[in-house]
Protein backbone atom coordinates (compact mmCIF):
# COMPACT_ATOMS: atom_id res chain seq x y z
CA MET A 1 41.33 36.04 37.92
CA ILE A 2 38.50 35.29 40.45
CA PRO A 3 35.52 37.58 40.24
CA ASN A 4 33.04 37.76 42.71
CA GLY A 5 34.70 35.30 44.66
CA TYR A 6 34.48 32.12 42.43
CA LEU A 7 37.15 30.59 40.78
CA MET A 8 37.29 30.99 36.81
CA PHE A 9 40.39 28.99 34.36
CA GLU A 10 40.21 28.25 30.95
CA ASP A 11 42.53 25.39 29.82
CA GLU A 12 42.95 26.04 26.23
CA ASN A 13 44.64 22.94 25.46
CA PHE A 14 42.24 20.73 27.14
CA ILE A 15 39.67 20.17 24.49
CA GLU A 16 42.68 19.43 21.97
CA SER A 17 43.86 16.88 24.01
CA SER A 18 40.59 15.02 24.95
CA VAL A 19 39.90 15.21 21.17
CA ALA A 20 42.96 13.36 20.29
CA LYS A 21 43.29 11.09 23.31
CA LEU A 22 39.61 9.82 22.08
CA ASN A 23 40.78 9.28 18.90
CA ALA A 24 43.75 7.50 20.31
CA LEU A 25 40.95 5.14 22.35
CA ARG A 26 39.48 4.41 19.13
CA LYS A 27 42.08 3.41 17.84
CA SER A 28 43.21 1.27 20.34
CA GLY A 29 39.82 -0.25 20.88
CA GLN A 30 39.17 1.07 24.20
CA PHE A 31 35.79 1.76 25.76
CA CYS A 32 34.54 1.31 22.29
CA ASP A 33 30.55 0.53 22.16
CA VAL A 34 30.18 0.77 18.37
CA ARG A 35 30.89 -1.76 15.50
CA LEU A 36 30.91 -0.45 12.07
CA GLN A 37 30.92 -3.10 9.24
CA VAL A 38 31.64 -1.64 6.05
CA CYS A 39 32.27 -4.01 3.11
CA GLY A 40 33.60 -6.47 5.49
CA HIS A 41 35.86 -4.16 6.92
CA GLU A 42 35.32 -3.69 10.80
CA MET A 43 35.78 -0.40 12.68
CA LEU A 44 35.46 0.36 16.19
CA ALA A 45 34.19 3.58 17.64
CA HIS A 46 32.49 5.29 20.55
CA ARG A 47 28.26 6.21 19.97
CA ALA A 48 28.64 9.44 22.28
CA VAL A 49 30.88 10.32 19.47
CA LEU A 50 29.36 9.15 16.35
CA ALA A 51 26.06 10.19 17.65
CA CYS A 52 26.85 14.20 17.68
CA CYS A 53 28.21 14.13 14.30
CA SER A 54 25.52 11.69 12.49
CA PRO A 55 22.03 12.24 13.01
CA TYR A 56 21.73 8.99 10.80
CA LEU A 57 24.07 7.13 13.47
CA PHE A 58 21.63 8.84 16.44
CA GLU A 59 18.55 7.52 15.25
CA ILE A 60 19.55 3.97 14.74
CA PHE A 61 21.51 4.65 18.49
CA ASN A 62 18.44 6.00 19.90
CA SER A 63 16.58 2.80 18.63
CA ASP A 64 18.71 0.03 20.34
CA SER A 65 16.53 -2.02 22.68
CA ASP A 66 20.00 -2.20 24.76
CA PRO A 67 21.60 1.15 25.02
CA HIS A 68 24.52 -0.08 26.70
CA GLY A 69 25.57 -3.13 24.93
CA ILE A 70 27.18 -2.88 21.61
CA SER A 71 25.76 -1.59 18.60
CA HIS A 72 26.52 -3.51 15.73
CA VAL A 73 25.51 -0.94 11.87
CA LYS A 74 26.53 -2.43 8.76
CA PHE A 75 27.33 -0.85 5.60
CA ASP A 76 27.59 -2.71 2.02
CA ASP A 77 27.50 0.41 -0.06
CA LEU A 78 30.05 2.54 1.68
CA ASN A 79 34.03 2.56 0.43
CA PRO A 80 35.70 1.99 4.19
CA GLU A 81 38.43 4.50 3.65
CA ALA A 82 35.79 7.13 2.98
CA VAL A 83 34.18 5.88 6.30
CA GLU A 84 37.92 6.26 7.85
CA VAL A 85 38.04 9.93 6.57
CA LEU A 86 35.03 10.59 8.54
CA LEU A 87 35.78 8.89 11.71
CA ASN A 88 39.06 10.84 11.76
CA TYR A 89 36.58 14.20 11.38
CA ALA A 90 34.25 13.08 13.75
CA TYR A 91 36.98 12.62 16.38
CA THR A 92 39.59 15.83 15.34
CA ALA A 93 36.88 17.96 13.30
CA GLN A 94 39.70 17.67 10.49
CA LEU A 95 38.52 16.15 7.07
CA LYS A 96 41.42 14.89 5.37
CA ALA A 97 41.24 12.97 2.03
CA ASP A 98 43.12 12.63 -1.38
CA LYS A 99 41.42 14.18 -4.14
CA GLU A 100 40.30 10.73 -5.83
CA LEU A 101 38.26 9.89 -2.24
CA VAL A 102 36.17 12.99 -2.50
CA LYS A 103 33.24 11.55 -4.02
CA ASP A 104 33.13 8.14 -2.15
CA VAL A 105 33.49 10.89 1.28
CA TYR A 106 30.60 12.54 -0.04
CA SER A 107 28.26 9.54 -0.37
CA ALA A 108 29.36 8.24 2.86
CA ALA A 109 28.49 11.85 4.76
CA LYS A 110 25.12 11.56 2.71
CA LYS A 111 24.01 8.43 4.16
CA LEU A 112 25.18 9.60 7.59
CA LYS A 113 23.21 12.94 7.17
CA MET A 114 26.46 14.79 7.95
CA ASP A 115 25.22 17.73 5.52
CA ARG A 116 28.19 20.07 6.34
CA VAL A 117 30.56 17.29 5.08
CA LYS A 118 28.52 17.01 1.92
CA GLN A 119 28.64 20.73 1.43
CA VAL A 120 32.56 20.96 1.89
CA CYS A 121 32.97 17.42 -0.71
CA GLY A 122 31.05 19.66 -2.87
CA ASP A 123 32.43 22.73 -3.19
CA TYR A 124 36.14 20.83 -3.25
CA LEU A 125 34.71 18.88 -6.72
CA LEU A 126 33.24 22.54 -8.04
CA SER A 127 37.12 23.85 -7.46
CA ARG A 128 38.04 21.44 -9.62
CA MET A 129 35.38 21.25 -11.90
CA ASP A 130 36.83 21.69 -15.56
CA VAL A 131 35.55 21.36 -19.37
CA THR A 132 36.84 17.73 -19.02
CA SER A 133 35.22 16.51 -15.98
CA CYS A 134 32.02 18.82 -15.76
CA ILE A 135 29.39 15.85 -17.16
CA SER A 136 30.87 13.28 -15.08
CA TYR A 137 29.95 15.96 -11.80
CA ARG A 138 27.04 16.36 -13.28
CA ASN A 139 26.26 12.72 -13.40
CA PHE A 140 27.66 12.18 -9.74
CA ALA A 141 25.58 15.64 -8.29
CA SER A 142 22.35 14.26 -9.90
CA CYS A 143 22.88 10.71 -8.84
CA MET A 144 23.27 12.42 -5.29
CA GLY A 145 20.05 14.46 -5.66
CA ASP A 146 22.00 17.68 -4.63
CA ASN A 147 20.02 20.56 -6.12
CA ARG A 148 22.78 22.88 -5.02
CA LEU A 149 25.63 21.46 -6.55
CA LEU A 150 23.57 20.27 -9.39
CA ASN A 151 22.42 23.86 -10.14
CA LYS A 152 25.99 25.03 -9.85
CA VAL A 153 27.49 22.45 -12.17
CA ASP A 154 24.41 23.62 -14.79
CA ALA A 155 25.53 26.97 -14.72
CA TYR A 156 29.16 25.89 -15.47
CA ILE A 157 27.87 23.96 -18.95
CA GLN A 158 25.81 26.84 -19.92
CA GLU A 159 28.40 29.38 -20.15
CA HIS A 160 31.26 26.88 -21.65
CA LEU A 161 28.90 24.61 -23.66
CA LEU A 162 30.96 24.73 -26.91
CA GLN A 163 34.04 23.98 -25.66
CA ILE A 164 32.49 21.27 -23.36
CA SER A 165 30.87 19.44 -26.90
CA GLU A 166 34.48 18.87 -27.96
CA GLU A 167 35.29 16.89 -24.86
CA GLU A 168 35.63 12.75 -25.49
CA GLU A 169 32.63 12.89 -22.50
CA PHE A 170 30.35 15.13 -24.55
CA LEU A 171 30.69 12.52 -27.54
CA LYS A 172 29.36 9.56 -25.42
CA LEU A 173 26.12 11.08 -24.77
CA PRO A 174 23.12 10.00 -26.09
CA ARG A 175 22.15 11.94 -29.03
CA LEU A 176 18.73 13.10 -30.52
CA LYS A 177 18.53 14.58 -33.71
CA LEU A 178 14.95 17.14 -33.86
CA GLU A 179 13.27 18.99 -36.50
CA VAL A 180 11.21 21.62 -34.43
CA GLN A 181 8.46 23.87 -35.28
CA THR A 182 9.18 27.52 -34.49
CA LEU A 183 6.22 29.70 -32.83
CA TYR A 184 6.20 33.40 -33.93
CA TYR A 185 4.68 36.59 -32.16
CA SER A 186 3.10 38.78 -34.82
CA ALA A 187 2.73 42.32 -34.96
CA ASP A 188 -1.03 42.43 -34.47
CA HIS A 189 0.16 40.34 -31.30
CA LYS A 190 -0.96 36.86 -31.98
CA LEU A 191 1.05 33.34 -31.54
CA LEU A 192 1.85 31.89 -35.17
CA ASP A 193 3.28 28.63 -36.54
CA GLY A 194 6.36 29.64 -38.98
CA ASN A 195 4.44 27.11 -41.30
CA LEU A 196 1.28 29.41 -41.60
CA LEU A 197 3.68 32.44 -42.59
CA ASP A 198 5.22 30.54 -45.72
CA GLY A 199 5.86 33.67 -47.84
CA GLN A 200 4.24 36.01 -45.91
CA ALA A 201 7.73 36.87 -43.48
CA GLU A 202 11.46 36.97 -42.14
CA VAL A 203 11.96 36.57 -38.90
CA PHE A 204 15.48 38.14 -37.29
CA GLY A 205 16.58 37.01 -33.78
CA SER A 206 18.50 38.60 -31.32
CA ASP A 207 21.46 37.57 -29.38
CA ASP A 208 19.31 36.64 -26.67
CA ASP A 209 17.21 34.40 -27.35
CA HIS A 210 16.94 31.21 -25.84
CA ILE A 211 14.93 27.73 -25.89
CA GLN A 212 11.92 26.79 -23.96
CA PHE A 213 10.14 23.33 -24.96
CA VAL A 214 6.54 22.79 -24.39
CA GLN A 215 4.22 19.71 -24.40
CA LYS A 216 2.48 19.38 -27.40
CA LYS A 217 -0.83 17.76 -25.68
CA PRO A 218 -3.45 15.34 -27.64
CA PRO A 219 -6.82 17.66 -28.47
CA ARG A 220 -8.40 16.10 -25.75
CA GLU A 221 -6.51 17.74 -23.13
CA ASN A 222 -6.21 20.72 -24.87
CA GLY A 223 -9.82 21.96 -24.87
CA HIS A 224 -10.27 25.63 -24.72
CA LYS A 225 -7.87 26.34 -22.44
CA PRO A 226 -4.78 29.10 -23.01
CA ILE A 227 -1.52 27.60 -23.46
CA SER A 228 1.10 27.78 -20.94
CA SER A 229 4.26 26.64 -20.46
CA SER A 230 7.39 26.84 -18.17
CA THR A 231 10.53 28.52 -19.43
CA GLY A 232 13.82 26.01 -19.55
CA CYS A 233 11.73 22.86 -18.80
CA LEU A 234 10.81 19.77 -21.50
CA SER A 235 7.59 18.06 -20.74
CA SER A 236 6.86 14.41 -21.43
CA PRO A 237 4.20 13.57 -23.37
CA ASN A 238 0.94 13.25 -21.12
CA ALA A 239 2.73 14.56 -17.93
CA THR A 240 1.37 17.06 -16.15
CA VAL A 241 3.61 16.62 -12.71
CA GLN A 242 7.56 16.40 -13.24
CA SER A 243 8.89 13.78 -10.73
CA PRO A 244 12.47 14.91 -9.63
CA LYS A 245 13.70 11.30 -10.20
CA HIS A 246 12.67 11.43 -13.96
CA GLU A 247 13.81 14.79 -14.84
CA TRP A 248 12.96 16.76 -17.70
CA LYS A 249 15.45 19.95 -18.41
CA ILE A 250 17.06 21.72 -20.88
CA VAL A 251 20.64 22.18 -19.32
CA ALA A 252 22.35 24.49 -21.78
CA SER A 253 21.77 25.10 -25.43
CA GLU A 254 23.72 27.45 -28.10
CA LYS A 255 23.06 28.71 -31.49
CA THR A 256 25.11 26.78 -34.08
CA SER A 257 23.83 28.56 -37.24
CA ASN A 258 20.97 30.45 -38.51
CA ASN A 259 18.40 27.93 -37.58
CA THR A 260 20.42 25.29 -35.63
CA TYR A 261 20.93 24.91 -31.80
CA LEU A 262 22.83 22.48 -29.60
CA CYS A 263 21.58 21.30 -26.18
CA LEU A 264 21.99 19.32 -23.15
CA ALA A 265 19.25 17.90 -21.94
CA VAL A 266 17.93 15.63 -19.14
CA LEU A 267 14.90 13.40 -21.01
CA ASP A 268 13.25 11.82 -18.91
CA GLY A 269 16.40 10.92 -16.31
CA ILE A 270 18.37 10.70 -19.40
CA PHE A 271 21.50 13.30 -19.69
CA CYS A 272 22.01 13.45 -23.29
CA VAL A 273 22.47 15.99 -26.28
CA ILE A 274 20.10 17.13 -28.92
CA PHE A 275 20.65 19.04 -32.45
CA LEU A 276 17.53 20.95 -32.75
CA HIS A 277 17.10 22.22 -36.61
CA GLY A 278 14.28 24.80 -37.65
CA ARG A 279 11.95 24.16 -40.29
CA ASN A 280 12.90 26.59 -43.00
CA SER A 281 11.65 29.83 -42.53
CA PRO A 282 9.66 31.80 -44.77
CA GLN A 283 11.65 34.31 -47.11
CA SER A 284 9.64 37.08 -48.05
CA SER A 285 8.93 40.14 -45.98
CA PRO A 286 5.57 41.96 -44.71
CA THR A 287 4.99 45.56 -43.92
CA SER A 288 5.20 44.95 -40.65
CA THR A 289 7.99 41.97 -40.15
CA PRO A 290 6.87 39.79 -36.74
CA LYS A 291 8.70 39.68 -33.98
CA LEU A 292 10.42 36.45 -32.66
CA ILE A 293 9.42 35.99 -29.12
CA LYS A 294 12.06 36.09 -26.92
CA SER A 295 11.87 32.57 -25.72
CA LEU A 296 12.10 30.24 -29.02
CA SER A 297 8.98 27.85 -28.58
CA PHE A 298 9.71 24.49 -29.67
CA GLU A 299 6.92 21.65 -29.31
CA MET A 300 8.36 17.95 -29.12
CA GLN A 301 5.80 15.52 -31.04
CA PRO A 302 4.62 12.56 -29.42
CA ASP A 303 6.12 10.33 -31.82
CA GLU A 304 9.59 11.83 -31.47
CA LEU A 305 9.57 9.75 -28.36
CA ILE A 306 9.86 5.97 -30.15
CA GLU A 307 7.67 3.45 -27.92
CA LYS A 308 9.25 -0.49 -27.85
CA PRO A 309 8.14 -3.30 -26.01
CA MET A 310 10.02 -3.72 -22.81
CA SER A 311 12.48 -6.55 -22.36
CA PRO A 312 11.20 -9.73 -21.21
CA MET A 313 12.62 -11.93 -18.20
CA GLN A 314 14.78 -14.70 -19.72
CA TYR A 315 12.47 -16.56 -18.18
CA ALA A 316 8.58 -16.99 -17.51
CA ARG A 317 7.86 -16.92 -13.51
CA SER A 318 4.98 -17.37 -11.37
CA GLY A 319 5.16 -17.27 -7.99
CA LEU A 320 8.19 -15.66 -8.03
CA GLY A 321 9.88 -13.17 -5.77
CA THR A 322 10.48 -9.62 -6.75
CA ALA A 323 12.03 -6.60 -4.81
CA GLU A 324 14.05 -3.25 -5.67
CA MET A 325 17.73 -2.94 -4.57
CA ASN A 326 20.25 -0.69 -5.40
CA GLY A 327 18.26 1.20 -8.19
CA LYS A 328 17.08 -2.13 -10.12
CA LEU A 329 14.55 -4.66 -10.11
CA ILE A 330 15.24 -8.23 -9.05
CA ALA A 331 13.25 -11.17 -9.90
CA ALA A 332 13.54 -14.63 -8.51
CA GLY A 333 12.67 -18.01 -8.44
CA GLY A 334 8.97 -18.83 -8.98
CA TYR A 335 7.91 -21.74 -11.56
CA ASN A 336 6.38 -22.45 -15.11
CA ARG A 337 5.30 -25.31 -16.32
CA GLU A 338 8.55 -27.27 -16.61
CA GLU A 339 10.53 -26.45 -13.21
CA CYS A 340 11.13 -24.63 -9.71
CA LEU A 341 13.69 -22.12 -10.54
CA ARG A 342 17.10 -21.30 -8.68
CA THR A 343 17.83 -18.34 -11.40
CA VAL A 344 18.15 -14.83 -10.46
CA GLU A 345 17.56 -12.01 -13.18
CA CYS A 346 18.29 -8.05 -12.71
CA TYR A 347 16.32 -5.14 -14.74
CA ASP A 348 17.84 -2.17 -15.33
CA PRO A 349 15.22 0.55 -16.31
CA ARG A 350 17.97 3.20 -17.83
CA THR A 351 18.90 0.49 -20.26
CA ASP A 352 15.70 -1.75 -20.45
CA HIS A 353 18.36 -4.87 -20.21
CA TRP A 354 18.04 -8.02 -17.67
CA SER A 355 21.11 -9.80 -16.75
CA PHE A 356 21.66 -12.84 -14.49
CA LEU A 357 22.89 -12.82 -11.22
CA ALA A 358 23.81 -15.85 -8.91
CA PRO A 359 21.04 -18.50 -8.89
CA MET A 360 19.69 -19.24 -4.97
CA ARG A 361 21.06 -22.51 -3.41
CA THR A 362 17.58 -23.81 -3.46
CA PRO A 363 14.93 -24.03 -6.05
CA ARG A 364 11.82 -22.16 -5.01
CA ALA A 365 8.49 -20.62 -5.50
CA ARG A 366 5.41 -19.47 -3.85
CA PHE A 367 7.46 -17.01 -1.65
CA GLN A 368 8.53 -13.27 -0.91
CA MET A 369 11.36 -11.35 -0.69
CA ALA A 370 12.75 -8.45 0.95
CA VAL A 371 15.82 -5.81 1.02
CA LEU A 372 17.48 -5.94 4.46
CA MET A 373 20.07 -3.43 5.16
CA GLY A 374 21.25 -3.58 1.67
CA GLN A 375 20.91 -7.35 1.35
CA LEU A 376 18.15 -9.50 -0.27
CA TYR A 377 16.67 -12.14 1.88
CA VAL A 378 14.28 -15.11 0.98
CA VAL A 379 12.44 -17.32 3.24
CA GLY A 380 10.26 -20.23 3.07
CA GLY A 381 8.34 -21.34 -0.21
CA SER A 382 8.22 -24.54 -2.06
CA ASN A 383 10.94 -26.23 -4.11
CA GLY A 384 8.51 -27.52 -6.32
CA HIS A 385 7.86 -31.08 -5.29
CA SER A 386 5.17 -30.41 -3.16
CA ASP A 387 7.60 -29.49 -0.06
CA ASP A 388 7.38 -26.64 2.22
CA LEU A 389 10.32 -24.75 2.95
CA SER A 390 11.71 -24.28 6.10
CA CYS A 391 15.16 -22.62 4.94
CA GLY A 392 16.13 -19.01 3.65
CA GLU A 393 19.20 -17.43 2.24
CA MET A 394 20.61 -14.22 1.99
CA TYR A 395 22.18 -12.40 -1.25
CA ASP A 396 25.32 -10.07 -0.94
CA PRO A 397 25.38 -7.62 -4.09
CA THR A 398 29.17 -7.14 -3.25
CA ILE A 399 30.01 -10.90 -3.85
CA ASP A 400 27.19 -11.59 -5.78
CA ASP A 401 26.48 -14.48 -3.74
CA TRP A 402 23.91 -16.62 -1.46
CA THR A 403 24.67 -17.58 1.83
CA PRO A 404 21.81 -19.99 4.19
CA VAL A 405 20.15 -17.87 7.23
CA PRO A 406 18.94 -19.57 10.19
CA GLU A 407 15.85 -21.78 9.49
CA LEU A 408 11.97 -20.76 10.25
CA ARG A 409 10.82 -22.70 13.22
CA THR A 410 8.12 -23.96 11.00
CA ASN A 411 7.74 -25.13 7.03
CA ARG A 412 6.31 -21.85 5.17
CA CYS A 413 5.00 -21.69 1.95
CA ASN A 414 2.85 -18.82 0.25
CA ALA A 415 4.05 -16.63 3.12
CA GLY A 416 4.56 -12.76 3.38
CA VAL A 417 7.74 -11.15 3.90
CA CYS A 418 8.73 -7.48 4.54
CA ALA A 419 11.71 -5.89 6.16
CA LEU A 420 10.12 -3.18 8.73
CA ASN A 421 12.58 -1.23 10.97
CA GLY A 422 15.82 -3.25 10.45
CA LYS A 423 13.89 -6.38 11.11
CA LEU A 424 12.76 -9.00 8.59
CA TYR A 425 8.86 -10.26 9.05
CA ILE A 426 7.43 -13.37 7.68
CA VAL A 427 3.61 -13.44 7.71
CA GLY A 428 0.70 -16.09 7.23
CA GLY A 429 1.19 -18.61 4.70
CA SER A 430 -0.11 -21.86 4.30
CA ASP A 431 0.02 -25.25 6.36
CA PRO A 432 2.06 -28.21 5.09
CA TYR A 433 -0.97 -29.15 3.61
CA GLY A 434 -1.53 -25.95 1.73
CA GLN A 435 -5.45 -26.25 2.86
CA LYS A 436 -5.53 -23.87 5.42
CA GLY A 437 -3.99 -20.25 6.13
CA LEU A 438 -2.07 -19.44 9.01
CA LYS A 439 -2.00 -16.34 11.74
CA ASN A 440 1.53 -17.16 12.31
CA CYS A 441 3.75 -14.13 12.15
CA ASP A 442 7.61 -14.10 12.95
CA VAL A 443 10.14 -11.81 13.02
CA PHE A 444 14.27 -12.32 12.19
CA ASP A 445 16.84 -9.91 13.52
CA PRO A 446 19.80 -9.63 11.57
CA VAL A 447 22.13 -8.62 14.49
CA THR A 448 21.54 -11.90 16.82
CA LYS A 449 20.48 -13.80 14.04
CA SER A 450 17.22 -15.72 15.61
CA TRP A 451 13.81 -15.91 14.95
CA THR A 452 11.33 -14.85 17.35
CA SER A 453 7.33 -14.91 17.37
CA CYS A 454 4.76 -11.52 17.55
CA ALA A 455 1.22 -11.11 17.72
CA PRO A 456 -0.52 -13.59 15.68
CA LEU A 457 -3.26 -12.27 12.59
CA ASN A 458 -6.61 -11.79 13.20
CA ILE A 459 -7.40 -13.91 9.86
CA ARG A 460 -6.18 -17.03 8.66
CA ARG A 461 -3.94 -16.10 5.38
CA HIS A 462 -1.98 -17.05 2.67
CA GLN A 463 -1.01 -15.68 -0.73
CA SER A 464 -0.95 -12.31 0.76
CA ALA A 465 0.48 -9.61 -0.39
CA VAL A 466 2.65 -7.52 2.32
CA CYS A 467 4.37 -4.39 2.64
CA GLU A 468 5.71 -1.87 4.70
CA LEU A 469 4.37 1.69 4.81
CA GLY A 470 4.57 4.64 7.28
CA GLY A 471 6.16 2.37 10.39
CA TYR A 472 3.52 -0.03 9.68
CA LEU A 473 3.32 -3.57 8.17
CA TYR A 474 0.10 -4.69 5.86
CA ILE A 475 -0.93 -7.81 5.01
CA ILE A 476 -3.45 -7.58 2.09
CA GLY A 477 -6.25 -10.05 0.87
CA GLY A 478 -5.01 -13.66 0.07
CA ALA A 479 -7.31 -17.03 1.07
CA GLU A 480 -8.26 -18.28 4.26
CA SER A 481 -8.53 -21.84 3.00
CA TRP A 482 -9.52 -21.32 -0.98
CA ASN A 483 -11.99 -18.92 -0.44
CA CYS A 484 -10.47 -15.42 -1.19
CA LEU A 485 -10.63 -12.30 1.27
CA ASN A 486 -10.87 -8.71 0.49
CA THR A 487 -9.72 -8.23 4.46
CA VAL A 488 -6.44 -6.15 5.45
CA GLU A 489 -4.82 -6.15 8.22
CA ARG A 490 -2.10 -3.41 9.91
CA TYR A 491 0.47 -4.22 12.52
CA ASN A 492 1.90 -1.52 14.61
CA PRO A 493 5.44 -2.50 15.90
CA GLU A 494 5.12 -0.45 18.68
CA ASN A 495 2.34 -2.42 20.48
CA ASN A 496 2.95 -5.67 18.82
CA THR A 497 -0.61 -5.56 18.09
CA TRP A 498 -2.81 -6.28 14.38
CA THR A 499 -5.45 -4.34 13.45
CA LEU A 500 -8.49 -4.42 10.56
CA ILE A 501 -8.42 -1.37 8.43
CA ALA A 502 -10.78 -1.25 5.45
CA PRO A 503 -11.26 -3.68 2.76
CA MET A 504 -10.04 -3.62 -0.75
CA ASN A 505 -13.18 -3.86 -2.95
CA VAL A 506 -12.32 -7.09 -4.94
CA ALA A 507 -11.29 -10.06 -2.87
CA ARG A 508 -8.32 -11.64 -4.19
CA ARG A 509 -5.03 -13.50 -3.56
CA GLY A 510 -1.95 -13.77 -5.17
CA ALA A 511 -1.90 -10.19 -5.52
CA GLY A 512 1.29 -8.09 -5.66
CA VAL A 513 1.55 -4.53 -3.52
CA ALA A 514 4.11 -1.95 -4.33
CA VAL A 515 4.46 1.53 -2.68
CA LEU A 516 4.41 4.88 -4.55
CA ASP A 517 3.78 8.55 -3.18
CA GLY A 518 2.65 7.53 0.71
CA LYS A 519 -0.08 5.12 -1.19
CA LEU A 520 -0.35 1.35 -1.43
CA PHE A 521 -1.22 -0.21 -5.19
CA VAL A 522 -2.48 -3.95 -5.20
CA GLY A 523 -2.79 -5.22 -8.40
CA GLY A 524 -3.55 -8.49 -10.38
CA GLY A 525 -4.56 -11.98 -8.21
CA PHE A 526 -6.95 -14.42 -8.90
CA ASP A 527 -10.59 -13.84 -7.43
CA GLY A 528 -11.76 -17.23 -7.24
CA SER A 529 -12.68 -18.22 -10.67
CA HIS A 530 -9.73 -16.57 -12.78
CA ALA A 531 -6.62 -14.50 -12.48
CA ILE A 532 -7.58 -10.42 -13.32
CA SER A 533 -6.13 -6.97 -14.23
CA CYS A 534 -8.10 -5.03 -11.77
CA VAL A 535 -5.66 -2.44 -9.81
CA GLU A 536 -6.71 -0.72 -6.29
CA MET A 537 -5.25 1.95 -4.37
CA TYR A 538 -5.24 2.27 -0.96
CA ASP A 539 -4.81 6.35 0.91
CA PRO A 540 -3.98 5.32 4.83
CA ALA A 541 -4.69 9.34 5.49
CA ARG A 542 -8.35 8.44 4.24
CA ASN A 543 -8.56 4.62 5.15
CA GLU A 544 -10.04 3.84 1.77
CA TRP A 545 -9.07 2.24 -1.58
CA LYS A 546 -10.08 3.69 -5.33
CA MET A 547 -10.10 1.05 -8.28
CA MET A 548 -7.75 2.49 -10.31
CA GLY A 549 -6.57 1.49 -14.47
CA ASN A 550 -6.43 -1.98 -15.26
CA MET A 551 -2.76 -4.16 -15.89
CA THR A 552 -2.64 -4.53 -19.78
CA SER A 553 -2.65 -8.62 -18.73
CA PRO A 554 -4.38 -10.44 -16.01
CA ARG A 555 -1.42 -11.79 -13.63
CA SER A 556 -1.83 -13.97 -10.98
CA ASN A 557 0.98 -14.74 -8.78
CA ALA A 558 3.03 -12.01 -10.70
CA GLY A 559 6.09 -9.74 -9.12
CA ILE A 560 4.83 -6.10 -7.98
CA THR A 561 7.67 -3.64 -6.81
CA THR A 562 8.37 -0.06 -6.94
CA VAL A 563 12.00 1.12 -9.06
CA GLY A 564 12.56 4.49 -8.30
CA SER A 565 9.08 6.47 -8.84
CA THR A 566 7.72 3.76 -11.03
CA ILE A 567 5.90 0.41 -10.57
CA TYR A 568 6.87 -2.23 -12.50
CA ALA A 569 5.08 -5.64 -12.93
CA VAL A 570 6.41 -8.69 -14.04
CA GLY A 571 5.91 -12.50 -14.47
CA GLY A 572 2.75 -14.23 -13.28
CA PHE A 573 -0.03 -16.51 -14.65
CA ASP A 574 -2.99 -14.87 -16.91
CA GLY A 575 -4.89 -18.14 -17.32
CA ASN A 576 -3.45 -19.82 -20.11
CA GLU A 577 0.35 -19.22 -19.95
CA PHE A 578 3.15 -18.34 -17.88
CA LEU A 579 4.33 -15.27 -18.44
CA ASN A 580 7.61 -13.48 -18.60
CA THR A 581 6.45 -10.22 -19.65
CA VAL A 582 7.14 -6.80 -18.05
CA GLU A 583 4.57 -3.62 -17.77
CA VAL A 584 4.80 -0.35 -16.12
CA TYR A 585 2.16 2.16 -14.26
CA ASN A 586 1.84 5.91 -15.10
CA PHE A 587 0.88 7.83 -12.31
CA GLU A 588 0.06 10.86 -13.94
CA SER A 589 -2.46 8.94 -16.57
CA ASN A 590 -3.63 6.17 -14.43
CA GLU A 591 -2.49 3.85 -17.52
CA TRP A 592 -0.48 0.58 -17.40
CA SER A 593 1.74 -0.62 -20.10
CA PRO A 594 4.25 -2.83 -21.65
CA TYR A 595 6.17 -0.45 -23.38
CA THR A 596 8.84 1.88 -22.56
CA LYS A 597 9.56 5.25 -24.18
CA ILE A 598 14.02 5.48 -25.66
CA PHE A 599 15.29 8.48 -27.76
CA GLN A 600 17.39 7.29 -30.63
CA LEU A 601 18.20 8.85 -33.98
């Protein structure tokens, strides 16, 4: 048909034919300009096709310095088979995966920001869920941070709790037994403690009664403020704001007898079973019987959260490297009174347990390390024999082994190391004689595997704290020779410049730094006369430093790292002892503690 003199023709087979040809070109490796390295497997594809379906890859390709070259993207935390499923989907719009592979496809889609695939995989998992599998599905949804999926799984658990309680997965969950206090709403409109009604009332509950946990605050926090609570929320002691990564939640509950309840709950991120036993109810009835408020309220006593000292590292370490990787804290190298260390320890916050990873090839201390593209990098430092190092190495968690990386252009000790925009930066450090700080700043490209120089610092520095925040690189404090600094510089990779920003309140070298909630936390170090425990926080929006709660122990040359939403301080030197201890920072209470809270019978 030719309306208005224009030729119009629609080829219904063209799109299908073109897509099939594109996929055939991919499989034969023709015209491909992307190489995906997935756990040692290489996959070829076309940048334009992947950029259309994956916002994550679009960002990577869009930032490539050479848009006409071949893009190299590496994934060490994805299943190659799952990535192949997503590649087929990108080229054919058809998602085909074995049922055993769906979770891995979901994880890969989450990484690549392919939300539609995530939703389809989630819906598939929900369609296969039953009382046997729902707990494992909930663990998966929680790990993925998928609130939509999590809420649907929780709704299923609420409906089938008693059947679920007979399954093997349920029996493996941590268990907690609590004696709880019942509050009653009296006839004269007062909220009363059940114990205070002894001999005065008999209380009856309705079928739709449900459970509510309320935080019992210390008297100094209660004051004369009215009691407030949130239905279905379990509050941690001293907490005012709940972090999604440290979830407190009643998932489901069932009344199993007159005064006992069975609950499934998330306590500080741990999914567990709670057996609630109410205190003995009064037996006699008054003239006007109090009503049981619709939401039964139970107060958790602070001593029901059992505190114990956090497990120490196997080795005392000062001048160590620390980093967060895959939700765990890595502590490597360092020195004590006896030797410079090669050993590497890994701390799992969920189990409060340290384990060993493969040791580094070279003993080293007075260095920093960083995670880049899922792998751990250490460069420079000292080997314990007064020799500064130019060598570096990379840890691959998939094979639990270290491999060498290209050497630095000069020997560097006491330098700052940080990952930024897919590259590794080493900043400052001390000269070969250790008497003077350096201005040098070098950057390593993991694709070209080469070091190049970038703009020098404004001030010579060694033993500085270095980190990334908001697309900038920060170098904090340190020493110019042996005089401690409170000055701070920020690097902008867009224009390759260092700028001095607001100085710290306390001059220090050998401090640690961590990022939490968009702010920098700098702790410990040496002020020129002794090891210190003070901590201060930098707010980039205000360009201001503020003193915070002190650590429980002075720590110089310690490791300070954020894991999840918690800041950890490990090791260091307190002025007398080399430390293997750990402590954590509570943002809500602005306090440090060497204890961890556990739930046990």
